[in-house]
Amino acid sequence: RTKLVVGYHAVAPYRKKVVQPHVPMIKFRKGGIDRAVAGTTAAPPTRPGSAQMQQSAGGATGPQVIVLPTIEDIHLPLRYQRRPIDQKEIEYINVSFDGYLNCKLYYESCIL
């Protein structure tokens, strides 16, 4: 005869699994690799011309800084541009923010 275990005890055997260090399959553009995984990955391949970009970067520092050209917002494709805000939305934002500030100032004065 088998018992049906319900609740915390039913999940307890599965809680003891530990994730082993591994190379993540997702590669993020920003940020570093965890220290546990740092020894298992190879250095990223260098791209041609990256040394030239590094030298032209005035404010950038670091051994592997790659500076890419900046795209101004007026040159973005239409699907990436912000849609214009109409006057109703502007008023709603301003009223909401003013109400937030008044409420915040009121509660801060009560705390003093």
PDB file of N, CA and C in Angstrom:
ATOM      1  N   ARG A   1       0.829  -1.180   0.000  1.00  0.00           N
ATOM      2  CA  ARG A   1       0.000   0.000   0.000  1.00  0.00           C
ATOM      3  C   ARG A   1       0.880   1.253   0.000  1.00  0.00           C
ATOM      4  N   THR A   2       0.606   2.197  -0.896  1.00  0.00           N
ATOM      5  CA  THR A   2       1.389   3.431  -0.984  1.00  0.00           C
ATOM      6  C   THR A   2       0.610   4.598  -0.386  1.00  0.00           C
ATOM      7  N   LYS A   3       1.363   5.462   0.273  1.00  0.00           N
ATOM      8  CA  LYS A   3       0.749   6.657   0.844  1.00  0.00           C
ATOM      9  C   LYS A   3       0.948   7.827  -0.112  1.00  0.00           C
ATOM     10  N   LEU A   4      -0.039   8.649  -0.186  1.00  0.00           N
ATOM     11  CA  LEU A   4       0.069   9.872  -0.968  1.00  0.00           C
ATOM     12  C   LEU A   4       0.512  10.979  -0.018  1.00  0.00           C
ATOM     13  N   VAL A   5       1.701  11.508  -0.250  1.00  0.00           N
ATOM     14  CA  VAL A   5       2.238  12.543   0.625  1.00  0.00           C
ATOM     15  C   VAL A   5       1.927  13.899   0.008  1.00  0.00           C
ATOM     16  N   VAL A   6       1.306  14.748   0.788  1.00  0.00           N
ATOM     17  CA  VAL A   6       0.909  16.068   0.306  1.00  0.00           C
ATOM     18  C   VAL A   6       1.566  17.122   1.187  1.00  0.00           C
ATOM     19  N   GLY A   7       1.965  18.223   0.582  1.00  0.00           N
ATOM     20  CA  GLY A   7       2.509  19.332   1.357  1.00  0.00           C
ATOM     21  C   GLY A   7       4.016  19.416   1.265  1.00  0.00           C
ATOM     22  N   TYR A   8       4.638  19.948   2.320  1.00  0.00           N
ATOM     23  CA  TYR A   8       6.074  20.211   2.352  1.00  0.00           C
ATOM     24  C   TYR A   8       6.892  18.944   2.146  1.00  0.00           C
ATOM     25  N   HIS A   9       6.480  17.841   2.746  1.00  0.00           N
ATOM     26  CA  HIS A   9       7.254  16.603   2.677  1.00  0.00           C
ATOM     27  C   HIS A   9       7.277  16.011   1.272  1.00  0.00           C
ATOM     28  N   ALA A  10       6.284  16.334   0.455  1.00  0.00           N
ATOM     29  CA  ALA A  10       6.267  15.827  -0.915  1.00  0.00           C
ATOM     30  C   ALA A  10       7.338  16.508  -1.762  1.00  0.00           C
ATOM     31  N   VAL A  11       7.697  17.728  -1.418  1.00  0.00           N
ATOM     32  CA  VAL A  11       8.653  18.497  -2.201  1.00  0.00           C
ATOM     33  C   VAL A  11      10.066  18.386  -1.636  1.00  0.00           C
ATOM     34  N   ALA A  12      10.200  17.978  -0.387  1.00  0.00           N
ATOM     35  CA  ALA A  12      11.492  17.977   0.302  1.00  0.00           C
ATOM     36  C   ALA A  12      12.595  17.221  -0.438  1.00  0.00           C
ATOM     37  N   PRO A  13      12.369  16.038  -1.021  1.00  0.00           N
ATOM     38  CA  PRO A  13      13.473  15.350  -1.698  1.00  0.00           C
ATOM     39  C   PRO A  13      14.021  16.123  -2.899  1.00  0.00           C
ATOM     40  N   TYR A  14      13.198  16.948  -3.511  1.00  0.00           N
ATOM     41  CA  TYR A  14      13.623  17.679  -4.700  1.00  0.00           C
ATOM     42  C   TYR A  14      14.381  18.959  -4.353  1.00  0.00           C
ATOM     43  N   ARG A  15      14.351  19.387  -3.118  1.00  0.00           N
ATOM     44  CA  ARG A  15      14.984  20.637  -2.722  1.00  0.00           C
ATOM     45  C   ARG A  15      16.480  20.487  -2.520  1.00  0.00           C
ATOM     46  N   LYS A  16      17.005  19.282  -2.535  1.00  0.00           N
ATOM     47  CA  LYS A  16      18.411  19.066  -2.229  1.00  0.00           C
ATOM     48  C   LYS A  16      19.299  19.065  -3.463  1.00  0.00           C
ATOM     49  N   LYS A  17      18.743  19.315  -4.632  1.00  0.00           N
ATOM     50  CA  LYS A  17      19.553  19.342  -5.842  1.00  0.00           C
ATOM     51  C   LYS A  17      20.379  20.622  -5.874  1.00  0.00           C
ATOM     52  N   VAL A  18      21.628  20.481  -6.246  1.00  0.00           N
ATOM     53  CA  VAL A  18      22.537  21.616  -6.333  1.00  0.00           C
ATOM     54  C   VAL A  18      22.927  21.795  -7.793  1.00  0.00           C
ATOM     55  N   VAL A  19      22.890  23.023  -8.252  1.00  0.00           N
ATOM     56  CA  VAL A  19      23.274  23.310  -9.629  1.00  0.00           C
ATOM     57  C   VAL A  19      24.792  23.333  -9.709  1.00  0.00           C
ATOM     58  N   GLN A  20      25.330  22.520 -10.578  1.00  0.00           N
ATOM     59  CA  GLN A  20      26.775  22.434 -10.757  1.00  0.00           C
ATOM     60  C   GLN A  20      27.257  23.630 -11.583  1.00  0.00           C
ATOM     61  N   PRO A  21      28.501  24.083 -11.375  1.00  0.00           N
ATOM     62  CA  PRO A  21      29.033  25.163 -12.208  1.00  0.00           C
ATOM     63  C   PRO A  21      29.049  24.733 -13.672  1.00  0.00           C
ATOM     64  N   HIS A  22      28.599  25.625 -14.534  1.00  0.00           N
ATOM     65  CA  HIS A  22      28.528  25.301 -15.955  1.00  0.00           C
ATOM     66  C   HIS A  22      28.696  26.576 -16.766  1.00  0.00           C
ATOM     67  N   VAL A  23      28.886  26.423 -18.046  1.00  0.00           N
ATOM     68  CA  VAL A  23      28.975  27.559 -18.949  1.00  0.00           C
ATOM     69  C   VAL A  23      27.554  27.919 -19.352  1.00  0.00           C
ATOM     70  N   PRO A  24      27.105  29.146 -19.060  1.00  0.00           N
ATOM     71  CA  PRO A  24      25.736  29.509 -19.409  1.00  0.00           C
ATOM     72  C   PRO A  24      25.543  29.541 -20.920  1.00  0.00           C
ATOM     73  N   MET A  25      24.356  29.137 -21.361  1.00  0.00           N
ATOM     74  CA  MET A  25      24.064  29.132 -22.786  1.00  0.00           C
ATOM     75  C   MET A  25      23.669  30.522 -23.277  1.00  0.00           C
ATOM     76  N   ILE A  26      23.221  31.385 -22.366  1.00  0.00           N
ATOM     77  CA  ILE A  26      22.835  32.739 -22.734  1.00  0.00           C
ATOM     78  C   ILE A  26      24.050  33.636 -22.571  1.00  0.00           C
ATOM     79  N   LYS A  27      24.355  34.421 -23.580  1.00  0.00           N
ATOM     80  CA  LYS A  27      25.476  35.353 -23.500  1.00  0.00           C
ATOM     81  C   LYS A  27      24.909  36.766 -23.443  1.00  0.00           C
ATOM     82  N   PHE A  28      25.190  37.454 -22.347  1.00  0.00           N
ATOM     83  CA  PHE A  28      24.711  38.809 -22.175  1.00  0.00           C
ATOM     84  C   PHE A  28      25.719  39.793 -22.751  1.00  0.00           C
ATOM     85  N   ARG A  29      25.214  40.917 -23.239  1.00  0.00           N
ATOM     86  CA  ARG A  29      26.102  41.912 -23.816  1.00  0.00           C
ATOM     87  C   ARG A  29      26.852  42.685 -22.745  1.00  0.00           C
ATOM     88  N   LYS A  30      26.203  42.926 -21.612  1.00  0.00           N
ATOM     89  CA  LYS A  30      26.843  43.686 -20.543  1.00  0.00           C
ATOM     90  C   LYS A  30      27.051  42.777 -19.355  1.00  0.00           C
ATOM     91  N   GLY A  31      28.017  43.105 -18.544  1.00  0.00           N
ATOM     92  CA  GLY A  31      28.251  42.326 -17.335  1.00  0.00           C
ATOM     93  C   GLY A  31      29.330  41.291 -17.553  1.00  0.00           C
ATOM     94  N   GLY A  32      29.700  40.656 -16.469  1.00  0.00           N
ATOM     95  CA  GLY A  32      30.771  39.680 -16.540  1.00  0.00           C
ATOM     96  C   GLY A  32      30.259  38.277 -16.330  1.00  0.00           C
ATOM     97  N   ILE A  33      31.184  37.362 -16.247  1.00  0.00           N
ATOM     98  CA  ILE A  33      30.869  35.963 -16.016  1.00  0.00           C
ATOM     99  C   ILE A  33      31.104  35.684 -14.545  1.00  0.00           C
ATOM    100  N   ASP A  34      30.279  34.841 -13.956  1.00  0.00           N
ATOM    101  CA  ASP A  34      30.454  34.492 -12.544  1.00  0.00           C
ATOM    102  C   ASP A  34      31.834  33.922 -12.311  1.00  0.00           C
ATOM    103  N   ARG A  35      32.342  34.091 -11.101  1.00  0.00           N
ATOM    104  CA  ARG A  35      33.683  33.588 -10.781  1.00  0.00           C
ATOM    105  C   ARG A  35      33.749  32.071 -10.860  1.00  0.00           C
ATOM    106  N   ALA A  36      32.642  31.402 -10.568  1.00  0.00           N
ATOM    107  CA  ALA A  36      32.639  29.941 -10.609  1.00  0.00           C
ATOM    108  C   ALA A  36      32.814  29.427 -12.029  1.00  0.00           C
ATOM    109  N   VAL A  37      32.372  30.212 -13.011  1.00  0.00           N
ATOM    110  CA  VAL A  37      32.417  29.782 -14.398  1.00  0.00           C
ATOM    111  C   VAL A  37      33.605  30.394 -15.129  1.00  0.00           C
ATOM    112  N   ALA A  38      34.275  31.346 -14.519  1.00  0.00           N
ATOM    113  CA  ALA A  38      35.322  32.098 -15.211  1.00  0.00           C
ATOM    114  C   ALA A  38      36.446  31.208 -15.725  1.00  0.00           C
ATOM    115  N   GLY A  39      36.810  30.162 -15.005  1.00  0.00           N
ATOM    116  CA  GLY A  39      37.904  29.306 -15.438  1.00  0.00           C
ATOM    117  C   GLY A  39      37.537  28.373 -16.563  1.00  0.00           C
ATOM    118  N   THR A  40      36.252  28.146 -16.808  1.00  0.00           N
ATOM    119  CA  THR A  40      35.844  27.174 -17.813  1.00  0.00           C
ATOM    120  C   THR A  40      35.627  27.779 -19.182  1.00  0.00           C
ATOM    121  N   THR A  41      35.623  29.108 -19.290  1.00  0.00           N
ATOM    122  CA  THR A  41      35.359  29.724 -20.586  1.00  0.00           C
ATOM    123  C   THR A  41      36.634  30.291 -21.168  1.00  0.00           C
ATOM    124  N   ALA A  42      36.694  30.332 -22.474  1.00  0.00           N
ATOM    125  CA  ALA A  42      37.854  30.893 -23.158  1.00  0.00           C
ATOM    126  C   ALA A  42      37.648  32.387 -23.338  1.00  0.00           C
ATOM    127  N   ALA A  43      38.720  33.086 -23.654  1.00  0.00           N
ATOM    128  CA  ALA A  43      38.633  34.520 -23.893  1.00  0.00           C
ATOM    129  C   ALA A  43      37.842  34.766 -25.168  1.00  0.00           C
ATOM    130  N   PRO A  44      37.064  35.859 -25.218  1.00  0.00           N
ATOM    131  CA  PRO A  44      36.283  36.130 -26.422  1.00  0.00           C
ATOM    132  C   PRO A  44      37.194  36.463 -27.596  1.00  0.00           C
ATOM    133  N   PRO A  45      36.813  36.043 -28.792  1.00  0.00           N
ATOM    134  CA  PRO A  45      37.645  36.321 -29.959  1.00  0.00           C
ATOM    135  C   PRO A  45      37.684  37.819 -30.237  1.00  0.00           C
ATOM    136  N   THR A  46      38.833  38.289 -30.678  1.00  0.00           N
ATOM    137  CA  THR A  46      38.954  39.706 -30.985  1.00  0.00           C
ATOM    138  C   THR A  46      38.474  39.947 -32.400  1.00  0.00           C
ATOM    139  N   ARG A  47      37.840  41.095 -32.574  1.00  0.00           N
ATOM    140  CA  ARG A  47      37.342  41.445 -33.895  1.00  0.00           C
ATOM    141  C   ARG A  47      38.356  42.337 -34.586  1.00  0.00           C
ATOM    142  N   PRO A  48      38.428  42.264 -35.913  1.00  0.00           N
ATOM    143  CA  PRO A  48      39.360  43.138 -36.612  1.00  0.00           C
ATOM    144  C   PRO A  48      38.941  44.592 -36.441  1.00  0.00           C
ATOM    145  N   GLY A  49      39.907  45.442 -36.168  1.00  0.00           N
ATOM    146  CA  GLY A  49      39.617  46.860 -36.006  1.00  0.00           C
ATOM    147  C   GLY A  49      39.252  47.248 -34.591  1.00  0.00           C
ATOM    148  N   SER A  50      39.141  46.287 -33.681  1.00  0.00           N
ATOM    149  CA  SER A  50      38.753  46.636 -32.318  1.00  0.00           C
ATOM    150  C   SER A  50      39.851  47.415 -31.615  1.00  0.00           C
ATOM    151  N   ALA A  51      41.107  47.171 -31.961  1.00  0.00           N
ATOM    152  CA  ALA A  51      42.209  47.915 -31.353  1.00  0.00           C
ATOM    153  C   ALA A  51      42.141  49.383 -31.762  1.00  0.00           C
ATOM    154  N   GLN A  52      41.743  49.637 -32.998  1.00  0.00           N
ATOM    155  CA  GLN A  52      41.620  51.017 -33.451  1.00  0.00           C
ATOM    156  C   GLN A  52      40.509  51.727 -32.696  1.00  0.00           C
ATOM    157  N   MET A  53      39.401  51.025 -32.448  1.00  0.00           N
ATOM    158  CA  MET A  53      38.304  51.631 -31.714  1.00  0.00           C
ATOM    159  C   MET A  53      38.699  51.910 -30.281  1.00  0.00           C
ATOM    160  N   GLN A  54      39.488  51.028 -29.684  1.00  0.00           N
ATOM    161  CA  GLN A  54      39.912  51.228 -28.309  1.00  0.00           C
ATOM    162  C   GLN A  54      40.812  52.447 -28.188  1.00  0.00           C
ATOM    163  N   GLN A  55      41.678  52.652 -29.146  1.00  0.00           N
ATOM    164  CA  GLN A  55      42.593  53.779 -29.076  1.00  0.00           C
ATOM    165  C   GLN A  55      41.858  55.097 -29.243  1.00  0.00           C
ATOM    166  N   SER A  56      40.781  55.113 -30.028  1.00  0.00           N
ATOM    167  CA  SER A  56      40.071  56.360 -30.272  1.00  0.00           C
ATOM    168  C   SER A  56      39.158  56.738 -29.113  1.00  0.00           C
ATOM    169  N   ALA A  57      38.931  55.835 -28.176  1.00  0.00           N
ATOM    170  CA  ALA A  57      38.047  56.119 -27.053  1.00  0.00           C
ATOM    171  C   ALA A  57      38.787  56.965 -26.032  1.00  0.00           C
ATOM    172  N   GLY A  58      38.328  58.211 -25.853  1.00  0.00           N
ATOM    173  CA  GLY A  58      38.997  59.098 -24.926  1.00  0.00           C
ATOM    174  C   GLY A  58      38.673  58.768 -23.479  1.00  0.00           C
ATOM    175  N   GLY A  59      37.383  58.579 -23.124  1.00  0.00           N
ATOM    176  CA  GLY A  59      37.007  58.373 -21.739  1.00  0.00           C
ATOM    177  C   GLY A  59      36.923  56.920 -21.335  1.00  0.00           C
ATOM    178  N   ALA A  60      37.021  56.000 -22.258  1.00  0.00           N
ATOM    179  CA  ALA A  60      36.876  54.584 -21.932  1.00  0.00           C
ATOM    180  C   ALA A  60      38.179  54.043 -21.373  1.00  0.00           C
ATOM    181  N   THR A  61      38.043  53.151 -20.385  1.00  0.00           N
ATOM    182  CA  THR A  61      39.228  52.524 -19.811  1.00  0.00           C
ATOM    183  C   THR A  61      39.005  51.031 -19.736  1.00  0.00           C
ATOM    184  N   GLY A  62      40.065  50.284 -19.631  1.00  0.00           N
ATOM    185  CA  GLY A  62      39.960  48.838 -19.503  1.00  0.00           C
ATOM    186  C   GLY A  62      40.614  48.143 -20.664  1.00  0.00           C
ATOM    187  N   PRO A  63      41.005  46.884 -20.459  1.00  0.00           N
ATOM    188  CA  PRO A  63      41.731  46.172 -21.507  1.00  0.00           C
ATOM    189  C   PRO A  63      40.864  45.767 -22.693  1.00  0.00           C
ATOM    190  N   GLN A  64      39.582  45.545 -22.482  1.00  0.00           N
ATOM    191  CA  GLN A  64      38.753  45.045 -23.581  1.00  0.00           C
ATOM    192  C   GLN A  64      37.580  45.968 -23.883  1.00  0.00           C
ATOM    193  N   VAL A  65      37.773  47.269 -23.802  1.00  0.00           N
ATOM    194  CA  VAL A  65      36.709  48.226 -24.061  1.00  0.00           C
ATOM    195  C   VAL A  65      36.568  48.411 -25.558  1.00  0.00           C
ATOM    196  N   ILE A  66      35.367  48.199 -26.048  1.00  0.00           N
ATOM    197  CA  ILE A  66      35.080  48.406 -27.463  1.00  0.00           C
ATOM    198  C   ILE A  66      34.059  49.527 -27.551  1.00  0.00           C
ATOM    199  N   VAL A  67      34.385  50.581 -28.250  1.00  0.00           N
ATOM    200  CA  VAL A  67      33.497  51.723 -28.391  1.00  0.00           C
ATOM    201  C   VAL A  67      32.826  51.631 -29.752  1.00  0.00           C
ATOM    202  N   LEU A  68      31.507  51.601 -29.737  1.00  0.00           N
ATOM    203  CA  LEU A  68      30.743  51.545 -30.974  1.00  0.00           C
ATOM    204  C   LEU A  68      30.151  52.915 -31.263  1.00  0.00           C
ATOM    205  N   PRO A  69      29.865  53.220 -32.517  1.00  0.00           N
ATOM    206  CA  PRO A  69      29.276  54.524 -32.826  1.00  0.00           C
ATOM    207  C   PRO A  69      27.875  54.644 -32.220  1.00  0.00           C
ATOM    208  N   THR A  70      27.532  55.856 -31.798  1.00  0.00           N
ATOM    209  CA  THR A  70      26.235  56.113 -31.186  1.00  0.00           C
ATOM    210  C   THR A  70      25.248  56.529 -32.259  1.00  0.00           C
ATOM    211  N   ILE A  71      24.047  55.979 -32.199  1.00  0.00           N
ATOM    212  CA  ILE A  71      22.991  56.349 -33.137  1.00  0.00           C
ATOM    213  C   ILE A  71      22.095  57.372 -32.447  1.00  0.00           C
ATOM    214  N   GLU A  72      21.948  58.522 -33.054  1.00  0.00           N
ATOM    215  CA  GLU A  72      21.071  59.550 -32.493  1.00  0.00           C
ATOM    216  C   GLU A  72      19.619  59.115 -32.648  1.00  0.00           C
ATOM    217  N   ASP A  73      18.760  59.576 -31.737  1.00  0.00           N
ATOM    218  CA  ASP A  73      17.368  59.135 -31.766  1.00  0.00           C
ATOM    219  C   ASP A  73      16.622  59.603 -33.007  1.00  0.00           C
ATOM    220  N   ILE A  74      17.067  60.679 -33.641  1.00  0.00           N
ATOM    221  CA  ILE A  74      16.387  61.135 -34.855  1.00  0.00           C
ATOM    222  C   ILE A  74      16.687  60.232 -36.045  1.00  0.00           C
ATOM    223  N   HIS A  75      17.727  59.404 -35.940  1.00  0.00           N
ATOM    224  CA  HIS A  75      18.095  58.500 -37.031  1.00  0.00           C
ATOM    225  C   HIS A  75      17.563  57.085 -36.837  1.00  0.00           C
ATOM    226  N   LEU A  76      16.829  56.848 -35.758  1.00  0.00           N
ATOM    227  CA  LEU A  76      16.283  55.517 -35.505  1.00  0.00           C
ATOM    228  C   LEU A  76      15.155  55.203 -36.481  1.00  0.00           C
ATOM    229  N   PRO A  77      14.951  53.931 -36.810  1.00  0.00           N
ATOM    230  CA  PRO A  77      13.789  53.568 -37.620  1.00  0.00           C
ATOM    231  C   PRO A  77      12.499  53.915 -36.872  1.00  0.00           C
ATOM    232  N   LEU A  78      11.418  54.100 -37.609  1.00  0.00           N
ATOM    233  CA  LEU A  78      10.156  54.536 -37.000  1.00  0.00           C
ATOM    234  C   LEU A  78       9.674  53.599 -35.903  1.00  0.00           C
ATOM    235  N   ARG A  79       9.882  52.310 -36.054  1.00  0.00           N
ATOM    236  CA  ARG A  79       9.359  51.385 -35.051  1.00  0.00           C
ATOM    237  C   ARG A  79      10.090  51.498 -33.719  1.00  0.00           C
ATOM    238  N   TYR A  80      11.281  52.099 -33.695  1.00  0.00           N
ATOM    239  CA  TYR A  80      12.029  52.271 -32.451  1.00  0.00           C
ATOM    240  C   TYR A  80      11.895  53.680 -31.870  1.00  0.00           C
ATOM    241  N   GLN A  81      11.305  54.585 -32.609  1.00  0.00           N
ATOM    242  CA  GLN A  81      11.149  55.939 -32.104  1.00  0.00           C
ATOM    243  C   GLN A  81       9.985  56.002 -31.123  1.00  0.00           C
ATOM    244  N   ARG A  82      10.075  56.945 -30.188  1.00  0.00           N
ATOM    245  CA  ARG A  82       8.974  57.139 -29.250  1.00  0.00           C
ATOM    246  C   ARG A  82       7.801  57.759 -29.975  1.00  0.00           C
ATOM    247  N   ARG A  83       6.608  57.338 -29.579  1.00  0.00           N
ATOM    248  CA  ARG A  83       5.440  57.958 -30.190  1.00  0.00           C
ATOM    249  C   ARG A  83       5.204  59.300 -29.506  1.00  0.00           C
ATOM    250  N   PRO A  84       4.663  60.267 -30.232  1.00  0.00           N
ATOM    251  CA  PRO A  84       4.434  61.583 -29.637  1.00  0.00           C
ATOM    252  C   PRO A  84       3.390  61.503 -28.516  1.00  0.00           C
ATOM    253  N   ILE A  85       3.568  62.326 -27.491  1.00  0.00           N
ATOM    254  CA  ILE A  85       2.629  62.368 -26.370  1.00  0.00           C
ATOM    255  C   ILE A  85       1.677  63.530 -26.610  1.00  0.00           C
ATOM    256  N   ASP A  86       0.374  63.263 -26.518  1.00  0.00           N
ATOM    257  CA  ASP A  86      -0.585  64.344 -26.709  1.00  0.00           C
ATOM    258  C   ASP A  86      -0.767  65.131 -25.404  1.00  0.00           C
ATOM    259  N   GLN A  87      -1.482  66.242 -25.487  1.00  0.00           N
ATOM    260  CA  GLN A  87      -1.620  67.155 -24.355  1.00  0.00           C
ATOM    261  C   GLN A  87      -2.323  66.493 -23.169  1.00  0.00           C
ATOM    262  N   LYS A  88      -3.300  65.623 -23.434  1.00  0.00           N
ATOM    263  CA  LYS A  88      -4.004  64.930 -22.340  1.00  0.00           C
ATOM    264  C   LYS A  88      -3.040  64.088 -21.510  1.00  0.00           C
ATOM    265  N   GLU A  89      -2.158  63.370 -22.186  1.00  0.00           N
ATOM    266  CA  GLU A  89      -1.184  62.545 -21.468  1.00  0.00           C
ATOM    267  C   GLU A  89      -0.220  63.401 -20.658  1.00  0.00           C
ATOM    268  N   ILE A  90       0.192  64.522 -21.217  1.00  0.00           N
ATOM    269  CA  ILE A  90       1.097  65.421 -20.498  1.00  0.00           C
ATOM    270  C   ILE A  90       0.434  65.935 -19.229  1.00  0.00           C
ATOM    271  N   GLU A  91      -0.830  66.343 -19.334  1.00  0.00           N
ATOM    272  CA  GLU A  91      -1.551  66.836 -18.156  1.00  0.00           C
ATOM    273  C   GLU A  91      -1.712  65.734 -17.117  1.00  0.00           C
ATOM    274  N   TYR A  92      -2.026  64.526 -17.558  1.00  0.00           N
ATOM    275  CA  TYR A  92      -2.203  63.409 -16.623  1.00  0.00           C
ATOM    276  C   TYR A  92      -0.900  63.114 -15.875  1.00  0.00           C
ATOM    277  N   ILE A  93       0.208  63.124 -16.601  1.00  0.00           N
ATOM    278  CA  ILE A  93       1.500  62.870 -15.967  1.00  0.00           C
ATOM    279  C   ILE A  93       1.818  63.963 -14.957  1.00  0.00           C
ATOM    280  N   ASN A  94       1.609  65.216 -15.346  1.00  0.00           N
ATOM    281  CA  ASN A  94       1.911  66.325 -14.442  1.00  0.00           C
ATOM    282  C   ASN A  94       1.030  66.295 -13.200  1.00  0.00           C
ATOM    283  N   VAL A  95      -0.259  66.028 -13.363  1.00  0.00           N
ATOM    284  CA  VAL A  95      -1.171  65.981 -12.215  1.00  0.00           C
ATOM    285  C   VAL A  95      -0.801  64.818 -11.308  1.00  0.00           C
ATOM    286  N   SER A  96      -0.492  63.673 -11.886  1.00  0.00           N
ATOM    287  CA  SER A  96      -0.125  62.507 -11.080  1.00  0.00           C
ATOM    288  C   SER A  96       1.148  62.775 -10.301  1.00  0.00           C
ATOM    289  N   PHE A  97       2.122  63.400 -10.927  1.00  0.00           N
ATOM    290  CA  PHE A  97       3.390  63.658 -10.257  1.00  0.00           C
ATOM    291  C   PHE A  97       3.217  64.712  -9.170  1.00  0.00           C
ATOM    292  N   ASP A  98       2.416  65.751  -9.452  1.00  0.00           N
ATOM    293  CA  ASP A  98       2.159  66.774  -8.435  1.00  0.00           C
ATOM    294  C   ASP A  98       1.460  66.162  -7.234  1.00  0.00           C
ATOM    295  N   GLY A  99       0.498  65.271  -7.492  1.00  0.00           N
ATOM    296  CA  GLY A  99      -0.194  64.600  -6.393  1.00  0.00           C
ATOM    297  C   GLY A  99       0.759  63.743  -5.586  1.00  0.00           C
ATOM    298  N   TYR A 100       1.680  63.091  -6.258  1.00  0.00           N
ATOM    299  CA  TYR A 100       2.677  62.264  -5.571  1.00  0.00           C
ATOM    300  C   TYR A 100       3.567  63.130  -4.697  1.00  0.00           C
ATOM    301  N   LEU A 101       4.029  64.260  -5.243  1.00  0.00           N
ATOM    302  CA  LEU A 101       4.900  65.146  -4.471  1.00  0.00           C
ATOM    303  C   LEU A 101       4.179  65.717  -3.261  1.00  0.00           C
ATOM    304  N   ASN A 102       2.932  66.163  -3.458  1.00  0.00           N
ATOM    305  CA  ASN A 102       2.177  66.720  -2.337  1.00  0.00           C
ATOM    306  C   ASN A 102       1.979  65.676  -1.253  1.00  0.00           C
ATOM    307  N   CYS A 103       1.662  64.453  -1.654  1.00  0.00           N
ATOM    308  CA  CYS A 103       1.462  63.367  -0.692  1.00  0.00           C
ATOM    309  C   CYS A 103       2.763  63.069   0.037  1.00  0.00           C
ATOM    310  N   LYS A 104       3.859  63.018  -0.695  1.00  0.00           N
ATOM    311  CA  LYS A 104       5.157  62.721  -0.091  1.00  0.00           C
ATOM    312  C   LYS A 104       5.559  63.817   0.893  1.00  0.00           C
ATOM    313  N   LEU A 105       5.388  65.083   0.494  1.00  0.00           N
ATOM    314  CA  LEU A 105       5.735  66.191   1.385  1.00  0.00           C
ATOM    315  C   LEU A 105       4.869  66.173   2.636  1.00  0.00           C
ATOM    316  N   TYR A 106       3.586  65.825   2.474  1.00  0.00           N
ATOM    317  CA  TYR A 106       2.682  65.772   3.624  1.00  0.00           C
ATOM    318  C   TYR A 106       3.151  64.712   4.618  1.00  0.00           C
ATOM    319  N   TYR A 107       3.459  63.527   4.136  1.00  0.00           N
ATOM    320  CA  TYR A 107       3.869  62.447   5.040  1.00  0.00           C
ATOM    321  C   TYR A 107       5.245  62.698   5.643  1.00  0.00           C
ATOM    322  N   GLU A 108       6.143  63.344   4.906  1.00  0.00           N
ATOM    323  CA  GLU A 108       7.448  63.677   5.476  1.00  0.00           C
ATOM    324  C   GLU A 108       7.311  64.694   6.595  1.00  0.00           C
ATOM    325  N   SER A 109       6.383  65.649   6.457  1.00  0.00           N
ATOM    326  CA  SER A 109       6.192  66.641   7.521  1.00  0.00           C
ATOM    327  C   SER A 109       5.547  66.005   8.747  1.00  0.00           C
ATOM    328  N   CYS A 110       4.758  64.947   8.561  1.00  0.00           N
ATOM    329  CA  CYS A 110       4.144  64.253   9.697  1.00  0.00           C
ATOM    330  C   CYS A 110       5.175  63.459  10.480  1.00  0.00           C
ATOM    331  N   ILE A 111       6.200  62.975   9.805  1.00  0.00           N
ATOM    332  CA  ILE A 111       7.215  62.154  10.467  1.00  0.00           C
ATOM    333  C   ILE A 111       8.098  63.016  11.362  1.00  0.00           C
ATOM    334  N   LEU A 112       8.345  64.262  10.953  1.00  0.00           N
ATOM    335  CA  LEU A 112       9.215  65.147  11.745  1.00  0.00           C
ATOM    336  C   LEU A 112       8.574  65.444  13.034  1.00  0.00           C
TER     337      LEU A 112
END
